[in-house]
Amino acid sequence: MEEGGHEGKSPFIIEPTELSLDIDQTLPVRIYAFPDQAQLYTDQVVILIKDNPNPVILPIQCLGAKPGVAVSHDTVQFERALLNKTLTKTLTLTNTCPLKVNWRLKKTENLPAEFTVKPTSGTLLPFKEEGIDITFKSISQKKFLETIVLEVDDVEGLGIK
């Protein structure tokens, strides 16, 4: 394989790198891609055929990507509310990458009873968005300053965040 379209080592591995075929015989050849950057990689598989001066060239490419999610706002702020009044705000998560990503909200179980958050986890398809409803019910006269944490990772469980 030859490098193309990027600098450095090719992320592609081909197995087997060499084989012999009889007439009308077929055998599988596997090409794996292990990109290490969020970018497009291009390469070529060059097939040399015995007694044939013209190689067969097959272009290949893969898109390296990292999970990424944008949040509509960093702070969800509820204004003063009359007792027993319920207010709901929506936080929007947008998948900003070409991969499916898993997401979950941490520390929601520590929130006071006045708050409910739904949903608290899910999977976002590439470039799609999902709303999270955060509901506040004014039970008593108090001020709150609570924190929840968004955790995003790859759906294949590779530990890429």
N, C-alpha and C. Protein backbone atom coordinates (compact mmCIF):
# COMPACT_ATOMS: atom_id res chain seq x y z
N MET A 1 0.84 -1.19 0.00
CA MET A 1 0.00 0.00 0.00
C MET A 1 0.87 1.24 0.00
N GLU A 2 0.37 2.26 -0.62
CA GLU A 2 1.08 3.53 -0.67
C GLU A 2 0.30 4.55 0.13
N GLU A 3 1.03 5.50 0.69
CA GLU A 3 0.36 6.56 1.42
C GLU A 3 -0.19 7.59 0.45
N GLY A 4 -1.27 8.22 0.87
CA GLY A 4 -1.83 9.28 0.04
C GLY A 4 -2.83 10.09 0.82
N GLY A 5 -2.89 11.38 0.59
CA GLY A 5 -3.88 12.25 1.19
C GLY A 5 -3.61 12.61 2.64
N HIS A 6 -2.51 12.18 3.22
CA HIS A 6 -2.20 12.52 4.60
C HIS A 6 -0.72 12.31 4.84
N GLU A 7 -0.25 12.87 5.93
CA GLU A 7 1.15 12.70 6.28
C GLU A 7 1.28 11.58 7.29
N GLY A 8 2.44 10.92 7.28
CA GLY A 8 2.70 9.89 8.28
C GLY A 8 2.32 8.51 7.78
N LYS A 9 2.25 7.60 8.74
CA LYS A 9 1.99 6.19 8.46
C LYS A 9 0.53 5.96 8.06
N SER A 10 0.33 5.05 7.15
CA SER A 10 -1.01 4.68 6.72
C SER A 10 -1.75 3.97 7.85
N PRO A 11 -3.04 4.24 8.03
CA PRO A 11 -3.80 3.54 9.07
C PRO A 11 -4.33 2.18 8.60
N PHE A 12 -4.01 1.80 7.36
CA PHE A 12 -4.57 0.58 6.79
C PHE A 12 -3.63 -0.60 6.96
N ILE A 13 -4.23 -1.74 7.23
CA ILE A 13 -3.49 -3.01 7.27
C ILE A 13 -4.22 -3.97 6.34
N ILE A 14 -3.46 -4.67 5.51
CA ILE A 14 -4.05 -5.62 4.58
C ILE A 14 -3.56 -7.02 4.95
N GLU A 15 -4.49 -7.98 4.93
CA GLU A 15 -4.15 -9.38 5.24
C GLU A 15 -4.86 -10.29 4.26
N PRO A 16 -4.18 -11.18 3.61
CA PRO A 16 -2.73 -11.32 3.59
C PRO A 16 -2.11 -10.29 2.65
N THR A 17 -0.82 -10.05 2.81
CA THR A 17 -0.15 -9.07 1.95
C THR A 17 0.27 -9.69 0.62
N GLU A 18 0.25 -10.97 0.57
CA GLU A 18 0.65 -11.68 -0.66
C GLU A 18 -0.12 -12.99 -0.72
N LEU A 19 -0.57 -13.37 -1.93
CA LEU A 19 -1.22 -14.67 -2.11
C LEU A 19 -1.13 -15.11 -3.56
N SER A 20 -1.29 -16.39 -3.76
CA SER A 20 -1.27 -16.98 -5.10
C SER A 20 -2.62 -17.60 -5.37
N LEU A 21 -3.14 -17.34 -6.56
CA LEU A 21 -4.45 -17.86 -6.95
C LEU A 21 -4.33 -18.71 -8.20
N ASP A 22 -5.09 -19.78 -8.24
CA ASP A 22 -5.21 -20.54 -9.47
C ASP A 22 -6.25 -19.84 -10.35
N ILE A 23 -6.34 -20.25 -11.60
CA ILE A 23 -7.32 -19.66 -12.52
C ILE A 23 -8.72 -19.89 -11.95
N ASP A 24 -9.54 -18.86 -11.97
CA ASP A 24 -10.92 -18.85 -11.46
C ASP A 24 -11.04 -19.08 -9.95
N GLN A 25 -9.95 -19.00 -9.23
CA GLN A 25 -10.00 -19.16 -7.78
C GLN A 25 -10.17 -17.80 -7.12
N THR A 26 -10.89 -17.76 -6.03
CA THR A 26 -11.03 -16.52 -5.24
C THR A 26 -10.66 -16.80 -3.79
N LEU A 27 -10.07 -15.82 -3.18
CA LEU A 27 -9.74 -15.88 -1.76
C LEU A 27 -10.03 -14.52 -1.15
N PRO A 28 -10.43 -14.51 0.12
CA PRO A 28 -10.71 -13.20 0.75
C PRO A 28 -9.43 -12.46 1.10
N VAL A 29 -9.50 -11.14 0.98
CA VAL A 29 -8.45 -10.24 1.43
C VAL A 29 -9.14 -9.23 2.34
N ARG A 30 -8.61 -9.04 3.53
CA ARG A 30 -9.21 -8.11 4.49
C ARG A 30 -8.36 -6.85 4.61
N ILE A 31 -9.04 -5.73 4.65
CA ILE A 31 -8.36 -4.45 4.85
C ILE A 31 -8.95 -3.84 6.13
N TYR A 32 -8.08 -3.54 7.07
CA TYR A 32 -8.47 -2.93 8.34
C TYR A 32 -7.99 -1.49 8.35
N ALA A 33 -8.75 -0.64 9.03
CA ALA A 33 -8.35 0.76 9.16
C ALA A 33 -8.31 1.12 10.64
N PHE A 34 -7.19 1.69 11.07
CA PHE A 34 -7.00 2.14 12.44
C PHE A 34 -6.54 3.60 12.43
N PRO A 35 -7.45 4.53 12.11
CA PRO A 35 -7.06 5.94 12.07
C PRO A 35 -6.74 6.45 13.47
N ASP A 36 -5.74 7.32 13.57
CA ASP A 36 -5.39 7.89 14.87
C ASP A 36 -5.68 9.38 14.96
N GLN A 37 -6.24 9.94 13.92
CA GLN A 37 -6.63 11.35 13.90
C GLN A 37 -8.04 11.48 13.33
N ALA A 38 -8.73 12.54 13.68
CA ALA A 38 -10.05 12.82 13.14
C ALA A 38 -9.88 13.51 11.78
N GLN A 39 -9.63 12.70 10.76
CA GLN A 39 -9.42 13.23 9.41
C GLN A 39 -9.68 12.13 8.38
N LEU A 40 -9.72 12.53 7.12
CA LEU A 40 -9.90 11.59 6.02
C LEU A 40 -8.55 11.01 5.63
N TYR A 41 -8.50 9.69 5.52
CA TYR A 41 -7.29 9.00 5.07
C TYR A 41 -7.61 8.35 3.73
N THR A 42 -6.68 8.49 2.79
CA THR A 42 -6.82 7.81 1.51
C THR A 42 -5.55 7.02 1.25
N ASP A 43 -5.69 5.95 0.52
CA ASP A 43 -4.56 5.09 0.22
C ASP A 43 -4.90 4.30 -1.02
N GLN A 44 -4.02 3.39 -1.39
CA GLN A 44 -4.24 2.55 -2.56
C GLN A 44 -3.77 1.13 -2.25
N VAL A 45 -4.53 0.17 -2.74
CA VAL A 45 -4.07 -1.21 -2.74
C VAL A 45 -3.55 -1.46 -4.16
N VAL A 46 -2.28 -1.80 -4.24
CA VAL A 46 -1.65 -2.04 -5.54
C VAL A 46 -1.51 -3.55 -5.69
N ILE A 47 -2.14 -4.08 -6.75
CA ILE A 47 -2.12 -5.53 -6.98
C ILE A 47 -1.22 -5.79 -8.18
N LEU A 48 -0.17 -6.56 -7.93
CA LEU A 48 0.75 -6.95 -8.99
C LEU A 48 0.42 -8.37 -9.43
N ILE A 49 0.23 -8.52 -10.72
CA ILE A 49 -0.13 -9.83 -11.27
C ILE A 49 1.05 -10.35 -12.08
N LYS A 50 1.43 -11.59 -11.79
CA LYS A 50 2.58 -12.20 -12.45
C LYS A 50 2.39 -12.16 -13.97
N ASP A 51 3.46 -11.79 -14.66
CA ASP A 51 3.50 -11.70 -16.12
C ASP A 51 2.55 -10.64 -16.69
N ASN A 52 2.08 -9.71 -15.85
CA ASN A 52 1.23 -8.62 -16.32
C ASN A 52 1.92 -7.32 -15.90
N PRO A 53 2.34 -6.51 -16.88
CA PRO A 53 3.10 -5.30 -16.54
C PRO A 53 2.25 -4.19 -15.90
N ASN A 54 0.93 -4.29 -16.00
CA ASN A 54 0.06 -3.24 -15.49
C ASN A 54 -0.54 -3.64 -14.15
N PRO A 55 -0.19 -2.93 -13.08
CA PRO A 55 -0.79 -3.26 -11.78
C PRO A 55 -2.25 -2.82 -11.74
N VAL A 56 -3.02 -3.48 -10.89
CA VAL A 56 -4.40 -3.07 -10.62
C VAL A 56 -4.33 -2.21 -9.37
N ILE A 57 -4.91 -1.02 -9.42
CA ILE A 57 -4.86 -0.09 -8.29
C ILE A 57 -6.28 0.15 -7.80
N LEU A 58 -6.50 -0.15 -6.52
CA LEU A 58 -7.80 0.05 -5.91
C LEU A 58 -7.69 1.16 -4.86
N PRO A 59 -8.36 2.29 -5.06
CA PRO A 59 -8.32 3.35 -4.04
C PRO A 59 -9.15 2.94 -2.82
N ILE A 60 -8.67 3.27 -1.62
CA ILE A 60 -9.41 3.03 -0.39
C ILE A 60 -9.37 4.30 0.45
N GLN A 61 -10.34 4.45 1.33
CA GLN A 61 -10.34 5.60 2.22
C GLN A 61 -11.12 5.26 3.48
N CYS A 62 -10.82 5.98 4.54
CA CYS A 62 -11.59 5.90 5.78
C CYS A 62 -11.58 7.28 6.42
N LEU A 63 -12.60 7.52 7.21
CA LEU A 63 -12.72 8.80 7.90
C LEU A 63 -12.51 8.55 9.39
N GLY A 64 -11.40 9.06 9.91
CA GLY A 64 -11.16 8.99 11.35
C GLY A 64 -12.04 10.00 12.05
N ALA A 65 -12.60 9.63 13.18
CA ALA A 65 -13.49 10.55 13.90
C ALA A 65 -13.42 10.26 15.39
N LYS A 66 -13.71 11.28 16.18
CA LYS A 66 -13.80 11.16 17.63
C LYS A 66 -15.21 11.55 18.04
N PRO A 67 -15.74 10.91 19.08
CA PRO A 67 -17.06 11.29 19.55
C PRO A 67 -17.09 12.76 19.98
N GLY A 68 -18.17 13.44 19.62
CA GLY A 68 -18.30 14.84 20.01
C GLY A 68 -19.77 15.24 20.10
N VAL A 69 -20.12 15.92 21.16
CA VAL A 69 -21.49 16.38 21.36
C VAL A 69 -21.46 17.84 21.79
N ALA A 70 -22.30 18.64 21.16
CA ALA A 70 -22.46 20.04 21.55
C ALA A 70 -23.71 20.15 22.43
N VAL A 71 -23.65 21.04 23.41
CA VAL A 71 -24.75 21.26 24.34
C VAL A 71 -25.31 22.66 24.07
N SER A 72 -26.62 22.77 24.01
CA SER A 72 -27.25 24.05 23.65
C SER A 72 -26.88 25.18 24.61
N HIS A 73 -26.70 24.88 25.90
CA HIS A 73 -26.24 25.89 26.85
C HIS A 73 -25.60 25.20 28.05
N ASP A 74 -24.62 25.87 28.62
CA ASP A 74 -23.86 25.30 29.74
C ASP A 74 -24.62 25.38 31.06
N THR A 75 -25.50 26.35 31.18
CA THR A 75 -26.22 26.55 32.43
C THR A 75 -27.72 26.57 32.15
N VAL A 76 -28.46 25.81 32.94
CA VAL A 76 -29.92 25.86 32.87
C VAL A 76 -30.37 26.64 34.10
N GLN A 77 -30.98 27.78 33.84
CA GLN A 77 -31.34 28.67 34.94
C GLN A 77 -32.86 28.82 35.01
N PHE A 78 -33.39 28.53 36.18
CA PHE A 78 -34.80 28.74 36.43
C PHE A 78 -34.96 30.04 37.21
N GLU A 79 -35.91 30.85 36.80
CA GLU A 79 -36.18 32.09 37.51
C GLU A 79 -37.00 31.78 38.77
N ARG A 80 -37.23 32.78 39.57
CA ARG A 80 -38.06 32.60 40.75
C ARG A 80 -39.43 32.06 40.33
N ALA A 81 -39.95 31.16 41.16
CA ALA A 81 -41.25 30.56 40.83
C ALA A 81 -42.12 30.51 42.07
N LEU A 82 -43.42 30.69 41.89
CA LEU A 82 -44.37 30.57 42.99
C LEU A 82 -44.33 29.14 43.52
N LEU A 83 -44.62 28.97 44.81
CA LEU A 83 -44.64 27.63 45.39
C LEU A 83 -45.63 26.74 44.63
N ASN A 84 -45.24 25.47 44.46
CA ASN A 84 -46.01 24.44 43.76
C ASN A 84 -46.15 24.69 42.26
N LYS A 85 -45.37 25.59 41.75
CA LYS A 85 -45.36 25.83 40.29
C LYS A 85 -44.29 24.94 39.66
N THR A 86 -44.58 24.39 38.49
CA THR A 86 -43.64 23.52 37.78
C THR A 86 -43.17 24.20 36.51
N LEU A 87 -41.86 24.23 36.33
CA LEU A 87 -41.24 24.82 35.13
C LEU A 87 -40.35 23.76 34.48
N THR A 88 -40.35 23.74 33.17
CA THR A 88 -39.49 22.79 32.44
C THR A 88 -38.64 23.55 31.44
N LYS A 89 -37.36 23.22 31.41
CA LYS A 89 -36.43 23.77 30.42
C LYS A 89 -35.86 22.59 29.64
N THR A 90 -35.56 22.83 28.38
CA THR A 90 -35.01 21.77 27.54
C THR A 90 -33.57 22.09 27.17
N LEU A 91 -32.73 21.13 27.41
CA LEU A 91 -31.32 21.19 27.05
C LEU A 91 -31.17 20.33 25.80
N THR A 92 -30.56 20.84 24.75
CA THR A 92 -30.43 20.08 23.51
C THR A 92 -29.00 19.61 23.32
N LEU A 93 -28.86 18.29 23.09
CA LEU A 93 -27.56 17.70 22.77
C LEU A 93 -27.53 17.47 21.26
N THR A 94 -26.42 17.84 20.61
CA THR A 94 -26.27 17.63 19.18
C THR A 94 -25.00 16.85 18.92
N ASN A 95 -25.13 15.73 18.24
CA ASN A 95 -23.95 14.93 17.86
C ASN A 95 -23.24 15.68 16.74
N THR A 96 -21.98 16.05 16.96
CA THR A 96 -21.23 16.85 15.99
C THR A 96 -20.25 16.03 15.17
N CYS A 97 -20.38 14.69 15.22
CA CYS A 97 -19.42 13.84 14.51
C CYS A 97 -20.14 12.79 13.67
N PRO A 98 -19.42 12.13 12.77
CA PRO A 98 -20.04 11.12 11.91
C PRO A 98 -20.17 9.74 12.56
N LEU A 99 -20.06 9.66 13.89
CA LEU A 99 -20.20 8.40 14.62
C LEU A 99 -21.43 8.45 15.51
N LYS A 100 -22.01 7.26 15.77
CA LYS A 100 -23.00 7.19 16.83
C LYS A 100 -22.26 7.34 18.15
N VAL A 101 -22.86 8.04 19.10
CA VAL A 101 -22.24 8.21 20.41
C VAL A 101 -23.23 7.89 21.52
N ASN A 102 -22.70 7.35 22.60
CA ASN A 102 -23.48 7.15 23.81
C ASN A 102 -23.28 8.36 24.70
N TRP A 103 -24.31 8.75 25.40
CA TRP A 103 -24.19 9.86 26.34
C TRP A 103 -24.94 9.49 27.62
N ARG A 104 -24.50 10.07 28.72
CA ARG A 104 -25.20 9.89 29.98
C ARG A 104 -24.93 11.10 30.87
N LEU A 105 -25.92 11.42 31.66
CA LEU A 105 -25.79 12.50 32.63
C LEU A 105 -25.45 11.87 33.98
N LYS A 106 -24.39 12.38 34.59
CA LYS A 106 -23.97 11.88 35.89
C LYS A 106 -24.38 12.91 36.95
N LYS A 107 -24.53 12.44 38.15
CA LYS A 107 -24.90 13.24 39.32
C LYS A 107 -26.38 13.62 39.33
N THR A 108 -27.20 13.06 38.45
CA THR A 108 -28.63 13.37 38.49
C THR A 108 -29.30 12.74 39.71
N GLU A 109 -28.74 11.61 40.18
CA GLU A 109 -29.32 10.95 41.36
C GLU A 109 -29.09 11.78 42.63
N ASN A 110 -28.17 12.74 42.58
CA ASN A 110 -27.89 13.60 43.74
C ASN A 110 -28.72 14.88 43.76
N LEU A 111 -29.52 15.07 42.73
CA LEU A 111 -30.32 16.31 42.67
C LEU A 111 -31.40 16.31 43.75
N PRO A 112 -31.76 17.48 44.26
CA PRO A 112 -32.86 17.58 45.22
C PRO A 112 -34.17 17.11 44.58
N ALA A 113 -35.12 16.79 45.42
CA ALA A 113 -36.42 16.28 44.97
C ALA A 113 -37.15 17.26 44.05
N GLU A 114 -36.80 18.52 44.11
CA GLU A 114 -37.46 19.53 43.27
C GLU A 114 -37.14 19.36 41.78
N PHE A 115 -36.10 18.60 41.44
CA PHE A 115 -35.67 18.47 40.05
C PHE A 115 -35.89 17.06 39.52
N THR A 116 -36.35 17.00 38.29
CA THR A 116 -36.37 15.72 37.55
C THR A 116 -35.72 15.98 36.20
N VAL A 117 -34.99 14.97 35.72
CA VAL A 117 -34.28 15.07 34.44
C VAL A 117 -34.63 13.83 33.62
N LYS A 118 -35.13 14.05 32.40
CA LYS A 118 -35.49 12.93 31.52
C LYS A 118 -35.18 13.27 30.09
N PRO A 119 -34.56 12.41 29.33
CA PRO A 119 -33.88 11.18 29.73
C PRO A 119 -32.52 11.52 30.34
N THR A 120 -31.88 10.52 30.96
CA THR A 120 -30.56 10.74 31.55
C THR A 120 -29.46 10.02 30.79
N SER A 121 -29.83 9.28 29.74
CA SER A 121 -28.81 8.61 28.91
C SER A 121 -29.44 8.25 27.58
N GLY A 122 -28.58 7.94 26.61
CA GLY A 122 -29.08 7.55 25.30
C GLY A 122 -27.96 7.42 24.29
N THR A 123 -28.37 7.18 23.06
CA THR A 123 -27.44 7.08 21.94
C THR A 123 -27.88 8.10 20.90
N LEU A 124 -26.92 8.88 20.43
CA LEU A 124 -27.20 9.89 19.40
C LEU A 124 -26.63 9.43 18.08
N LEU A 125 -27.45 9.41 17.05
CA LEU A 125 -26.98 9.09 15.70
C LEU A 125 -26.14 10.25 15.17
N PRO A 126 -25.32 9.99 14.13
CA PRO A 126 -24.47 11.06 13.59
C PRO A 126 -25.27 12.31 13.21
N PHE A 127 -24.81 13.45 13.70
CA PHE A 127 -25.34 14.77 13.39
C PHE A 127 -26.81 14.96 13.79
N LYS A 128 -27.32 14.12 14.69
CA LYS A 128 -28.70 14.25 15.17
C LYS A 128 -28.69 14.93 16.54
N GLU A 129 -29.89 15.32 16.99
CA GLU A 129 -29.98 15.96 18.29
C GLU A 129 -31.07 15.33 19.13
N GLU A 130 -30.97 15.55 20.43
CA GLU A 130 -31.96 15.04 21.38
C GLU A 130 -32.15 16.07 22.48
N GLY A 131 -33.40 16.20 22.90
CA GLY A 131 -33.72 17.13 23.97
C GLY A 131 -33.77 16.42 25.32
N ILE A 132 -33.30 17.11 26.34
CA ILE A 132 -33.36 16.61 27.71
C ILE A 132 -34.22 17.61 28.48
N ASP A 133 -35.29 17.12 29.06
CA ASP A 133 -36.18 18.00 29.84
C ASP A 133 -35.72 18.02 31.29
N ILE A 134 -35.50 19.22 31.78
CA ILE A 134 -35.14 19.42 33.18
C ILE A 134 -36.32 20.17 33.81
N THR A 135 -36.96 19.51 34.77
CA THR A 135 -38.16 20.07 35.38
C THR A 135 -37.88 20.47 36.82
N PHE A 136 -38.37 21.64 37.17
CA PHE A 136 -38.22 22.15 38.53
C PHE A 136 -39.62 22.38 39.09
N LYS A 137 -39.87 21.81 40.27
CA LYS A 137 -41.14 22.06 40.97
C LYS A 137 -40.81 22.76 42.27
N SER A 138 -41.33 23.96 42.42
CA SER A 138 -41.07 24.78 43.59
C SER A 138 -41.87 24.23 44.77
N ILE A 139 -41.15 23.55 45.68
CA ILE A 139 -41.80 22.94 46.85
C ILE A 139 -41.68 23.85 48.07
N SER A 140 -40.49 24.43 48.23
CA SER A 140 -40.29 25.34 49.36
C SER A 140 -39.39 26.49 48.89
N GLN A 141 -39.28 27.48 49.72
CA GLN A 141 -38.48 28.66 49.35
C GLN A 141 -37.00 28.34 49.57
N LYS A 142 -36.27 28.13 48.47
CA LYS A 142 -34.84 27.80 48.53
C LYS A 142 -34.17 28.26 47.25
N LYS A 143 -32.85 28.40 47.37
CA LYS A 143 -32.03 28.63 46.18
C LYS A 143 -31.25 27.36 45.92
N PHE A 144 -31.01 27.07 44.64
CA PHE A 144 -30.28 25.87 44.27
C PHE A 144 -29.13 26.23 43.34
N LEU A 145 -28.04 25.54 43.53
CA LEU A 145 -26.91 25.63 42.60
C LEU A 145 -26.39 24.19 42.47
N GLU A 146 -26.94 23.47 41.51
CA GLU A 146 -26.64 22.05 41.35
C GLU A 146 -25.82 21.84 40.08
N THR A 147 -25.07 20.75 40.07
CA THR A 147 -24.24 20.44 38.92
C THR A 147 -24.54 19.02 38.44
N ILE A 148 -24.71 18.89 37.13
CA ILE A 148 -24.76 17.56 36.52
C ILE A 148 -23.67 17.52 35.45
N VAL A 149 -23.20 16.32 35.15
CA VAL A 149 -22.06 16.16 34.25
C VAL A 149 -22.49 15.32 33.05
N LEU A 150 -22.15 15.80 31.86
CA LEU A 150 -22.41 15.05 30.63
C LEU A 150 -21.18 14.24 30.29
N GLU A 151 -21.38 12.93 30.10
CA GLU A 151 -20.29 12.05 29.68
C GLU A 151 -20.65 11.47 28.32
N VAL A 152 -19.71 11.53 27.38
CA VAL A 152 -19.93 11.06 26.02
C VAL A 152 -18.83 10.07 25.68
N ASP A 153 -19.20 8.95 25.05
CA ASP A 153 -18.17 8.01 24.58
C ASP A 153 -18.64 7.27 23.34
N ASP A 154 -17.73 6.51 22.78
CA ASP A 154 -18.02 5.79 21.55
C ASP A 154 -18.93 4.60 21.84
N VAL A 155 -19.72 4.18 20.85
CA VAL A 155 -20.66 3.08 21.06
C VAL A 155 -19.97 1.72 21.02
N GLU A 156 -18.76 1.65 20.54
CA GLU A 156 -18.06 0.38 20.44
C GLU A 156 -17.29 0.02 21.72
N GLY A 157 -17.35 0.92 22.70
CA GLY A 157 -16.71 0.62 23.97
C GLY A 157 -15.19 0.68 23.92
N LEU A 158 -14.64 1.50 23.03
CA LEU A 158 -13.19 1.60 22.90
C LEU A 158 -12.58 2.60 23.89
N GLY A 159 -13.44 3.26 24.66
CA GLY A 159 -12.94 4.22 25.64
C GLY A 159 -12.55 5.56 25.05
N ILE A 160 -13.06 5.87 23.87
CA ILE A 160 -12.74 7.14 23.22
C ILE A 160 -13.80 8.15 23.65
N LYS A 161 -13.35 9.24 24.30
CA LYS A 161 -14.30 10.25 24.82
C LYS A 161 -13.97 11.60 24.26
